[in-house]
Amino acid sequence: MKVTVCIGSSCHLKGSRTVVERLKELIEEKNLGDKVELAGTFCMGNCQKDVCVTVDDNVFSITPEGVDAFFETEVIAKL
C-alpha cells in the first residue's frame, strides 16, 4: 500500500509536516514498514482543502488532528 502526502506550500501551511511525522510514527508503532510505503510529493491539485493524502490513488483531505482516525479507517482497515 502506498500512502502519499502532499508537501507543497499550501499543504505545508496546513500541517503536512505534522501529518507525515504522525503517519511515520503510526507505521512504526504497528510494525507496518513492510506493508505501507510512505512518500511525499509536491502539489496534488487539492489546495482548497486540508492536507491532501492519497492511498493507492484514492484522494483524501485530512487535518493533522485527523491523522489517527484516517490511519485506522483508510490504512489499517484495508490491509
C-alpha atoms as a PDB file:
ATOM      1  CA  MET A   1       0.000   0.000   0.000  1.00  0.00           C
ATOM      2  CA  LYS A   2       1.355   3.423  -0.913  1.00  0.00           C
ATOM      3  CA  VAL A   3       0.435   6.495   1.148  1.00  0.00           C
ATOM      4  CA  THR A   4       1.493   9.807  -0.384  1.00  0.00           C
ATOM      5  CA  VAL A   5       1.283  13.147   1.422  1.00  0.00           C
ATOM      6  CA  CYS A   6       1.384  16.498  -0.365  1.00  0.00           C
ATOM      7  CA  ILE A   7       4.258  18.624   0.921  1.00  0.00           C
ATOM      8  CA  GLY A   8       3.642  21.583  -1.390  1.00  0.00           C
ATOM      9  CA  SER A   9       3.414  25.100   0.044  1.00  0.00           C
ATOM     10  CA  SER A  10      -0.339  25.161   0.641  1.00  0.00           C
ATOM     11  CA  CYS A  11      -0.410  21.772   2.367  1.00  0.00           C
ATOM     12  CA  HIS A  12       2.749  22.645   4.282  1.00  0.00           C
ATOM     13  CA  LEU A  13       0.954  25.649   5.753  1.00  0.00           C
ATOM     14  CA  LYS A  14      -1.970  23.394   6.690  1.00  0.00           C
ATOM     15  CA  GLY A  15       0.256  20.964   8.606  1.00  0.00           C
ATOM     16  CA  SER A  16       1.584  18.378   6.153  1.00  0.00           C
ATOM     17  CA  ARG A  17       4.796  18.005   8.139  1.00  0.00           C
ATOM     18  CA  THR A  18       2.785  17.025  11.218  1.00  0.00           C
ATOM     19  CA  VAL A  19       0.747  14.590   9.106  1.00  0.00           C
ATOM     20  CA  VAL A  20       3.903  12.958   7.726  1.00  0.00           C
ATOM     21  CA  GLU A  21       5.519  12.674  11.155  1.00  0.00           C
ATOM     22  CA  ARG A  22       2.411  11.104  12.709  1.00  0.00           C
ATOM     23  CA  LEU A  23       1.982   8.653   9.834  1.00  0.00           C
ATOM     24  CA  LYS A  24       5.633   7.613  10.242  1.00  0.00           C
ATOM     25  CA  GLU A  25       5.027   7.038  13.966  1.00  0.00           C
ATOM     26  CA  LEU A  26       1.877   5.001  13.348  1.00  0.00           C
ATOM     27  CA  ILE A  27       3.557   2.843  10.696  1.00  0.00           C
ATOM     28  CA  GLU A  28       6.436   2.130  13.102  1.00  0.00           C
ATOM     29  CA  GLU A  29       4.140   1.514  16.108  1.00  0.00           C
ATOM     30  CA  LYS A  30       2.097  -1.033  14.142  1.00  0.00           C
ATOM     31  CA  ASN A  31       5.198  -2.626  12.514  1.00  0.00           C
ATOM     32  CA  LEU A  32       3.823  -1.966   9.030  1.00  0.00           C
ATOM     33  CA  GLY A  33       7.038  -0.835   7.373  1.00  0.00           C
ATOM     34  CA  ASP A  34       6.951  -3.831   5.052  1.00  0.00           C
ATOM     35  CA  LYS A  35       3.306  -3.243   4.065  1.00  0.00           C
ATOM     36  CA  VAL A  36       2.956   0.545   3.905  1.00  0.00           C
ATOM     37  CA  GLU A  37       5.162   2.811   1.808  1.00  0.00           C
ATOM     38  CA  LEU A  38       5.047   6.469   2.899  1.00  0.00           C
ATOM     39  CA  ALA A  39       6.008   9.078   0.321  1.00  0.00           C
ATOM     40  CA  GLY A  40       5.818  12.827  -0.191  1.00  0.00           C
ATOM     41  CA  THR A  41       5.050  14.778  -3.318  1.00  0.00           C
ATOM     42  CA  PHE A  42       4.535  18.355  -4.346  1.00  0.00           C
ATOM     43  CA  CYS A  43       1.173  19.893  -5.272  1.00  0.00           C
ATOM     44  CA  MET A  44      -1.566  17.365  -5.927  1.00  0.00           C
ATOM     45  CA  GLY A  45      -4.138  19.947  -7.009  1.00  0.00           C
ATOM     46  CA  ASN A  46      -6.389  19.932  -3.927  1.00  0.00           C
ATOM     47  CA  CYS A  47      -5.123  23.184  -2.437  1.00  0.00           C
ATOM     48  CA  GLN A  48      -8.566  24.438  -1.395  1.00  0.00           C
ATOM     49  CA  LYS A  49      -8.987  21.621   1.142  1.00  0.00           C
ATOM     50  CA  ASP A  50      -6.937  20.277   4.053  1.00  0.00           C
ATOM     51  CA  VAL A  51      -3.688  18.322   3.602  1.00  0.00           C
ATOM     52  CA  CYS A  52      -4.013  16.145   0.506  1.00  0.00           C
ATOM     53  CA  VAL A  53      -3.163  12.467   1.017  1.00  0.00           C
ATOM     54  CA  THR A  54      -3.548   9.562  -1.372  1.00  0.00           C
ATOM     55  CA  VAL A  55      -3.802   5.885  -0.519  1.00  0.00           C
ATOM     56  CA  ASP A  56      -3.240   3.771  -3.623  1.00  0.00           C
ATOM     57  CA  ASP A  57      -4.539   6.636  -5.819  1.00  0.00           C
ATOM     58  CA  ASN A  58      -7.643   7.373  -3.697  1.00  0.00           C
ATOM     59  CA  VAL A  59      -7.561  11.054  -2.681  1.00  0.00           C
ATOM     60  CA  PHE A  60      -8.300  12.236   0.875  1.00  0.00           C
ATOM     61  CA  SER A  61      -8.177  15.595   2.609  1.00  0.00           C
ATOM     62  CA  ILE A  62      -7.135  15.379   6.258  1.00  0.00           C
ATOM     63  CA  THR A  63      -6.145  17.638   9.123  1.00  0.00           C
ATOM     64  CA  PRO A  64      -3.214  16.972  11.434  1.00  0.00           C
ATOM     65  CA  GLU A  65      -5.760  16.211  14.177  1.00  0.00           C
ATOM     66  CA  GLY A  66      -7.475  13.626  11.990  1.00  0.00           C
ATOM     67  CA  VAL A  67      -4.422  11.500  11.168  1.00  0.00           C
ATOM     68  CA  ASP A  68      -5.096   8.722  13.682  1.00  0.00           C
ATOM     69  CA  ALA A  69      -8.708   8.216  12.586  1.00  0.00           C
ATOM     70  CA  PHE A  70      -7.671   8.362   8.928  1.00  0.00           C
ATOM     71  CA  PHE A  71      -4.955   5.769   9.538  1.00  0.00           C
ATOM     72  CA  GLU A  72      -7.405   3.383  11.196  1.00  0.00           C
ATOM     73  CA  THR A  73     -10.136   3.667   8.534  1.00  0.00           C
ATOM     74  CA  GLU A  74      -8.099   4.048   5.358  1.00  0.00           C
ATOM     75  CA  VAL A  75      -4.890   2.139   6.076  1.00  0.00           C
ATOM     76  CA  ILE A  76      -5.349  -0.447   8.835  1.00  0.00           C
ATOM     77  CA  ALA A  77      -8.850  -1.451   7.738  1.00  0.00           C
ATOM     78  CA  LYS A  78      -7.667  -2.045   4.157  1.00  0.00           C
ATOM     79  CA  LEU A  79      -4.565  -4.111   4.807  1.00  0.00           C
END
